[in-house]
Amino acid sequence: KAGTTEGHRRPLKPSDCRCIENFLSNPVTSQTTDPATMPQFVLGYWKIRGLAAPARMMLEYKKADYEDVQYDDAAKWFSEDKPKLAEKNPLVNLPYVVDGETVVTHSNSVYAYLGEKLGITPTDENSKFWDSQALLEVFDLRNGMIELVYPFKQVCRTQAEFEARRDKILEELLLKSYEKFEKVLQKTPGPFIGGETPAPSDFHLFEMIDQHEALAKSAGKPSPVSSYSGLQKLHAAFKELPSLKNYFSSDAYKLPINNALGGAYFA
């Protein structure tokens, strides 16, 4: 499950969960008096880590009351839940978060929303300044991974093209991004972009470091982060957070990184 701390929620298959119907027919506020039957948040995404991992981490970090809806049936999403959620938010896509009558969609918006609602967004001006920019900068790493692993993006159309680009990313392109983040971390007072505590961008940055470490290991390549002490400290600091101990031992953290159903070369 997503976490074993009291009040957390089991990740459910959509077919096992009536939460979407419940929220749309009887929306609740964050002050719901019956959290045992109605979680404050519903997070929806494919049954992979992908774009949902940072959001799952944020919810676990703050011990939020939430339901983790993991789709492994495209028809359930596209034909059933998406049309229902689109009544509340015409822009809806995966990932999404439902909070009472509010439906938030698209990953950066989800991270920013949860950051505000959960009290993760920095309050000091320096950390806010760097967090708002880093949140978008990290997505360059994300886009690079998506273009690398999914053949439908038409960047790596064959296994050979994937392997060639993978090596170029690990040995060159990724390091340019890491150098930028390393310098940003030198301008913050703690191990995180948020300072002593993680900001929304830190959760996504951790995930992308973690994914590229797994990618390098799968290719028999050295650790890409090994030359960047600031990024190493950030990655290690997340692993040491007591409130994320359950997450790192959970099934959610063990999910595939990418979607094999989408033909991912690296899942």
Protein backbone atom coordinates (compact mmCIF):
# COMPACT_ATOMS: atom_id res chain seq x y z
CA LYS A 1 0.00 0.00 0.00
CA ALA A 2 1.01 3.64 -0.34
CA GLY A 3 1.86 3.83 3.31
CA THR A 4 1.12 2.07 6.57
CA THR A 5 0.86 5.13 8.79
CA GLU A 6 -2.60 5.37 10.36
CA GLY A 7 -4.96 7.43 8.22
CA HIS A 8 -3.19 6.72 4.94
CA ARG A 9 -4.93 4.98 2.08
CA ARG A 10 -4.43 1.78 0.18
CA PRO A 11 -3.69 2.19 -3.54
CA LEU A 12 -6.74 0.89 -5.33
CA LYS A 13 -7.59 -0.25 -8.78
CA PRO A 14 -10.32 2.02 -10.13
CA SER A 15 -12.62 -0.98 -10.42
CA ASP A 16 -12.37 -1.41 -6.64
CA CYS A 17 -13.01 2.23 -5.83
CA ARG A 18 -16.17 4.32 -5.94
CA CYS A 19 -14.30 7.44 -4.83
CA ILE A 20 -14.68 9.30 -8.14
CA GLU A 21 -18.42 8.76 -8.16
CA ASN A 22 -18.59 9.69 -4.47
CA PHE A 23 -16.70 12.93 -4.95
CA LEU A 24 -18.72 14.00 -7.95
CA SER A 25 -22.11 13.12 -6.48
CA ASN A 26 -21.38 14.31 -2.95
CA PRO A 27 -18.29 16.55 -2.91
CA VAL A 28 -16.72 17.17 0.46
CA THR A 29 -14.50 19.90 1.79
CA SER A 30 -11.11 19.40 3.37
CA GLN A 31 -12.91 19.65 6.73
CA THR A 32 -14.85 16.43 6.16
CA THR A 33 -16.06 14.92 9.42
CA ASP A 34 -15.88 11.35 8.18
CA PRO A 35 -12.34 10.71 6.89
CA ALA A 36 -12.78 6.98 7.46
CA THR A 37 -15.17 6.82 4.50
CA MET A 38 -14.19 9.87 2.46
CA PRO A 39 -10.52 10.79 2.05
CA GLN A 40 -9.55 14.42 1.68
CA PHE A 41 -7.64 13.82 -1.55
CA VAL A 42 -7.95 11.41 -4.44
CA LEU A 43 -4.86 11.05 -6.63
CA GLY A 44 -5.29 9.36 -9.99
CA TYR A 45 -2.63 8.11 -12.39
CA TRP A 46 -1.49 5.04 -14.32
CA LYS A 47 -0.21 2.11 -12.28
CA ILE A 48 3.41 3.25 -12.61
CA ARG A 49 5.62 5.75 -10.81
CA GLY A 50 5.79 8.17 -13.73
CA LEU A 51 4.37 11.62 -13.02
CA ALA A 52 2.52 10.50 -9.89
CA ALA A 53 5.54 9.55 -7.79
CA PRO A 54 6.30 13.12 -6.62
CA ALA A 55 2.65 13.65 -5.68
CA ARG A 56 2.49 10.33 -3.81
CA MET A 57 5.63 11.32 -1.94
CA MET A 58 4.18 14.72 -1.02
CA LEU A 59 1.00 13.15 0.33
CA GLU A 60 2.97 10.58 2.31
CA TYR A 61 5.42 13.20 3.58
CA LYS A 62 2.56 15.14 5.19
CA LYS A 63 0.65 12.01 6.26
CA ALA A 64 -2.31 13.19 4.22
CA ASP A 65 -5.61 11.35 4.08
CA TYR A 66 -5.81 10.22 0.46
CA GLU A 67 -6.81 7.54 -2.01
CA ASP A 68 -4.25 6.45 -4.61
CA VAL A 69 -6.18 5.36 -7.71
CA GLN A 70 -3.88 3.42 -10.04
CA TYR A 71 -5.23 2.79 -13.54
CA ASP A 72 -4.17 -0.36 -15.36
CA ASP A 73 -7.19 -0.29 -17.68
CA ALA A 74 -7.18 2.50 -20.26
CA ALA A 75 -10.90 2.05 -20.94
CA LYS A 76 -11.74 2.67 -17.29
CA TRP A 77 -9.94 6.00 -17.46
CA PHE A 78 -10.88 7.25 -20.91
CA SER A 79 -14.46 5.96 -21.07
CA GLU A 80 -15.60 6.24 -17.46
CA ASP A 81 -13.66 8.41 -15.03
CA LYS A 82 -12.28 11.04 -17.41
CA PRO A 83 -15.71 12.09 -18.77
CA LYS A 84 -17.05 12.34 -15.20
CA LEU A 85 -14.12 14.41 -13.97
CA ALA A 86 -14.28 16.59 -17.08
CA GLU A 87 -17.63 17.86 -15.84
CA LYS A 88 -15.68 19.55 -13.04
CA ASN A 89 -12.53 20.36 -15.01
CA PRO A 90 -12.57 20.18 -18.83
CA LEU A 91 -8.76 20.07 -18.85
CA VAL A 92 -8.56 16.88 -16.80
CA ASN A 93 -5.86 14.35 -17.61
CA LEU A 94 -3.54 12.06 -15.68
CA PRO A 95 -2.35 12.82 -13.10
CA TYR A 96 -5.22 14.49 -11.31
CA VAL A 97 -6.08 15.35 -7.73
CA VAL A 98 -9.62 15.66 -6.43
CA ASP A 99 -10.02 17.81 -3.31
CA GLY A 100 -13.65 18.37 -2.42
CA GLU A 101 -15.25 20.12 -5.37
CA THR A 102 -11.87 20.91 -6.92
CA VAL A 103 -10.27 18.80 -9.65
CA VAL A 104 -6.65 19.72 -10.39
CA THR A 105 -4.83 18.28 -13.38
CA HIS A 106 -1.41 18.28 -15.08
CA SER A 107 1.64 17.35 -13.06
CA ASN A 108 3.19 20.73 -12.24
CA SER A 109 -0.21 22.12 -11.28
CA VAL A 110 -0.81 19.08 -9.08
CA TYR A 111 2.57 19.49 -7.35
CA ALA A 112 2.01 23.22 -6.84
CA TYR A 113 -1.53 22.68 -5.55
CA LEU A 114 -0.49 19.99 -3.10
CA GLY A 115 2.44 22.14 -2.03
CA GLU A 116 0.06 24.92 -1.01
CA LYS A 117 -2.60 22.68 0.52
CA LEU A 118 -0.14 20.55 2.48
CA GLY A 119 2.11 23.39 3.62
CA ILE A 120 5.10 22.23 1.59
CA THR A 121 5.52 25.38 -0.53
CA PRO A 122 8.29 27.57 0.94
CA THR A 123 7.36 30.75 2.75
CA ASP A 124 10.71 32.56 2.55
CA GLU A 125 11.35 34.55 -0.60
CA ASN A 126 14.68 32.93 -1.54
CA SER A 127 13.31 29.39 -1.45
CA LYS A 128 10.11 30.40 -3.25
CA PHE A 129 12.20 32.08 -5.94
CA TRP A 130 14.25 28.96 -6.65
CA ASP A 131 11.41 26.47 -6.16
CA SER A 132 9.11 28.09 -8.72
CA GLN A 133 11.83 27.96 -11.37
CA ALA A 134 13.19 24.53 -10.48
CA LEU A 135 9.70 23.04 -10.71
CA LEU A 136 9.71 23.86 -14.42
CA GLU A 137 13.40 23.09 -14.96
CA VAL A 138 12.99 19.56 -13.60
CA PHE A 139 10.40 18.94 -16.27
CA ASP A 140 13.16 19.17 -18.87
CA LEU A 141 14.61 16.03 -17.28
CA ARG A 142 11.17 14.45 -17.32
CA ASN A 143 10.60 15.27 -20.98
CA GLY A 144 14.00 13.86 -21.84
CA MET A 145 13.12 10.58 -20.13
CA ILE A 146 9.75 10.36 -21.88
CA GLU A 147 11.28 11.03 -25.29
CA LEU A 148 13.94 8.42 -24.57
CA VAL A 149 11.80 5.52 -23.44
CA TYR A 150 8.57 5.77 -25.44
CA PRO A 151 8.74 4.92 -29.16
CA PHE A 152 5.51 6.82 -29.88
CA LYS A 153 7.45 10.05 -29.28
CA GLN A 154 9.37 9.22 -32.49
CA VAL A 155 12.73 10.16 -30.97
CA CYS A 156 13.91 6.60 -30.35
CA ARG A 157 12.11 4.47 -32.90
CA THR A 158 14.18 1.32 -32.36
CA GLN A 159 16.04 -0.42 -29.54
CA ALA A 160 19.32 0.63 -31.14
CA GLU A 161 18.27 4.28 -31.23
CA PHE A 162 17.18 4.01 -27.60
CA GLU A 163 20.53 2.62 -26.49
CA ALA A 164 22.49 5.25 -28.38
CA ARG A 165 20.45 8.13 -26.97
CA ARG A 166 20.44 6.61 -23.48
CA ASP A 167 24.23 6.60 -23.46
CA LYS A 168 24.37 10.18 -24.75
CA ILE A 169 21.98 11.30 -22.01
CA LEU A 170 23.84 9.52 -19.22
CA GLU A 171 27.27 10.61 -20.39
CA GLU A 172 26.53 14.16 -21.57
CA LEU A 173 23.04 15.69 -21.64
CA LEU A 174 21.98 14.73 -18.12
CA LEU A 175 25.19 16.09 -16.63
CA LYS A 176 24.50 19.55 -18.06
CA SER A 177 21.21 19.61 -16.18
CA TYR A 178 22.81 18.29 -13.02
CA GLU A 179 25.39 21.07 -13.12
CA LYS A 180 22.59 23.65 -13.10
CA PHE A 181 20.82 22.09 -10.13
CA GLU A 182 24.10 21.67 -8.27
CA LYS A 183 24.70 25.42 -8.54
CA VAL A 184 21.15 26.21 -7.43
CA LEU A 185 21.59 24.05 -4.34
CA GLN A 186 24.66 26.11 -3.45
CA LYS A 187 22.34 29.10 -3.14
CA THR A 188 20.00 27.46 -0.62
CA PRO A 189 20.66 26.95 3.11
CA GLY A 190 19.85 23.25 3.34
CA PRO A 191 20.05 19.99 1.44
CA PHE A 192 16.92 20.90 -0.51
CA ILE A 193 15.93 23.64 -2.92
CA GLY A 194 13.42 24.48 -0.20
CA GLY A 195 16.23 24.80 2.32
CA GLU A 196 16.07 22.63 5.42
CA THR A 197 12.78 21.08 4.28
CA PRO A 198 11.78 19.96 0.78
CA ALA A 199 9.78 22.18 -1.57
CA PRO A 200 7.52 20.82 -4.34
CA SER A 201 10.35 20.93 -6.88
CA ASP A 202 12.54 18.81 -4.61
CA PHE A 203 10.13 15.88 -4.78
CA HIS A 204 10.22 15.82 -8.58
CA LEU A 205 13.99 16.38 -8.64
CA PHE A 206 14.47 13.42 -6.29
CA GLU A 207 12.32 11.24 -8.54
CA MET A 208 14.27 12.16 -11.66
CA ILE A 209 17.61 11.53 -9.94
CA ASP A 210 16.25 8.18 -8.78
CA GLN A 211 15.00 7.28 -12.26
CA HIS A 212 18.29 8.13 -13.93
CA GLU A 213 20.18 6.12 -11.32
CA ALA A 214 17.98 3.14 -12.19
CA LEU A 215 18.49 3.78 -15.91
CA ALA A 216 22.27 3.85 -15.49
CA LYS A 217 22.23 0.69 -13.40
CA SER A 218 20.14 -1.13 -16.00
CA ALA A 219 22.71 -0.19 -18.66
CA GLY A 220 25.73 -1.11 -16.54
CA LYS A 221 26.80 2.53 -16.42
CA PRO A 222 28.29 4.43 -13.46
CA SER A 223 26.09 6.54 -11.21
CA PRO A 224 25.35 9.86 -12.96
CA VAL A 225 24.91 11.69 -9.64
CA SER A 226 28.21 10.51 -8.15
CA SER A 227 30.07 13.69 -9.14
CA TYR A 228 27.49 16.08 -7.67
CA SER A 229 27.68 16.32 -3.89
CA GLY A 230 24.67 18.61 -3.55
CA LEU A 231 22.39 16.33 -5.54
CA GLN A 232 23.74 13.31 -3.68
CA LYS A 233 22.87 14.99 -0.37
CA LEU A 234 19.38 15.85 -1.60
CA HIS A 235 18.76 12.27 -2.73
CA ALA A 236 20.09 10.84 0.53
CA ALA A 237 18.15 13.36 2.64
CA PHE A 238 14.87 12.19 1.11
CA LYS A 239 15.69 8.57 1.86
CA GLU A 240 16.35 9.54 5.49
CA LEU A 241 13.09 11.44 6.09
CA PRO A 242 11.15 9.53 8.78
CA SER A 243 7.81 10.46 7.21
CA LEU A 244 8.81 8.81 3.93
CA LYS A 245 10.07 5.57 5.45
CA ASN A 246 6.77 3.85 4.68
CA TYR A 247 6.75 5.14 1.11
CA PHE A 248 10.19 3.75 0.30
CA SER A 249 9.17 0.31 1.55
CA SER A 250 5.78 0.42 -0.17
CA ASP A 251 4.44 -1.11 -3.35
CA ALA A 252 4.02 2.41 -4.75
CA TYR A 253 7.79 2.93 -4.78
CA LYS A 254 8.26 -0.50 -6.36
CA LEU A 255 5.93 0.22 -9.28
CA PRO A 256 7.46 0.31 -12.77
CA ILE A 257 8.97 3.69 -13.55
CA ASN A 258 7.47 3.84 -17.04
CA ASN A 259 4.58 2.08 -18.74
CA ALA A 260 5.41 -1.17 -20.50
CA LEU A 261 1.93 -1.06 -22.04
CA GLY A 262 3.11 2.06 -23.87
CA GLY A 263 6.04 0.13 -25.29
CA ALA A 264 8.63 1.69 -22.97
CA TYR A 265 12.18 0.50 -23.64
CA PHE A 266 12.97 1.10 -19.96
CA ALA A 267 10.16 0.38 -17.52
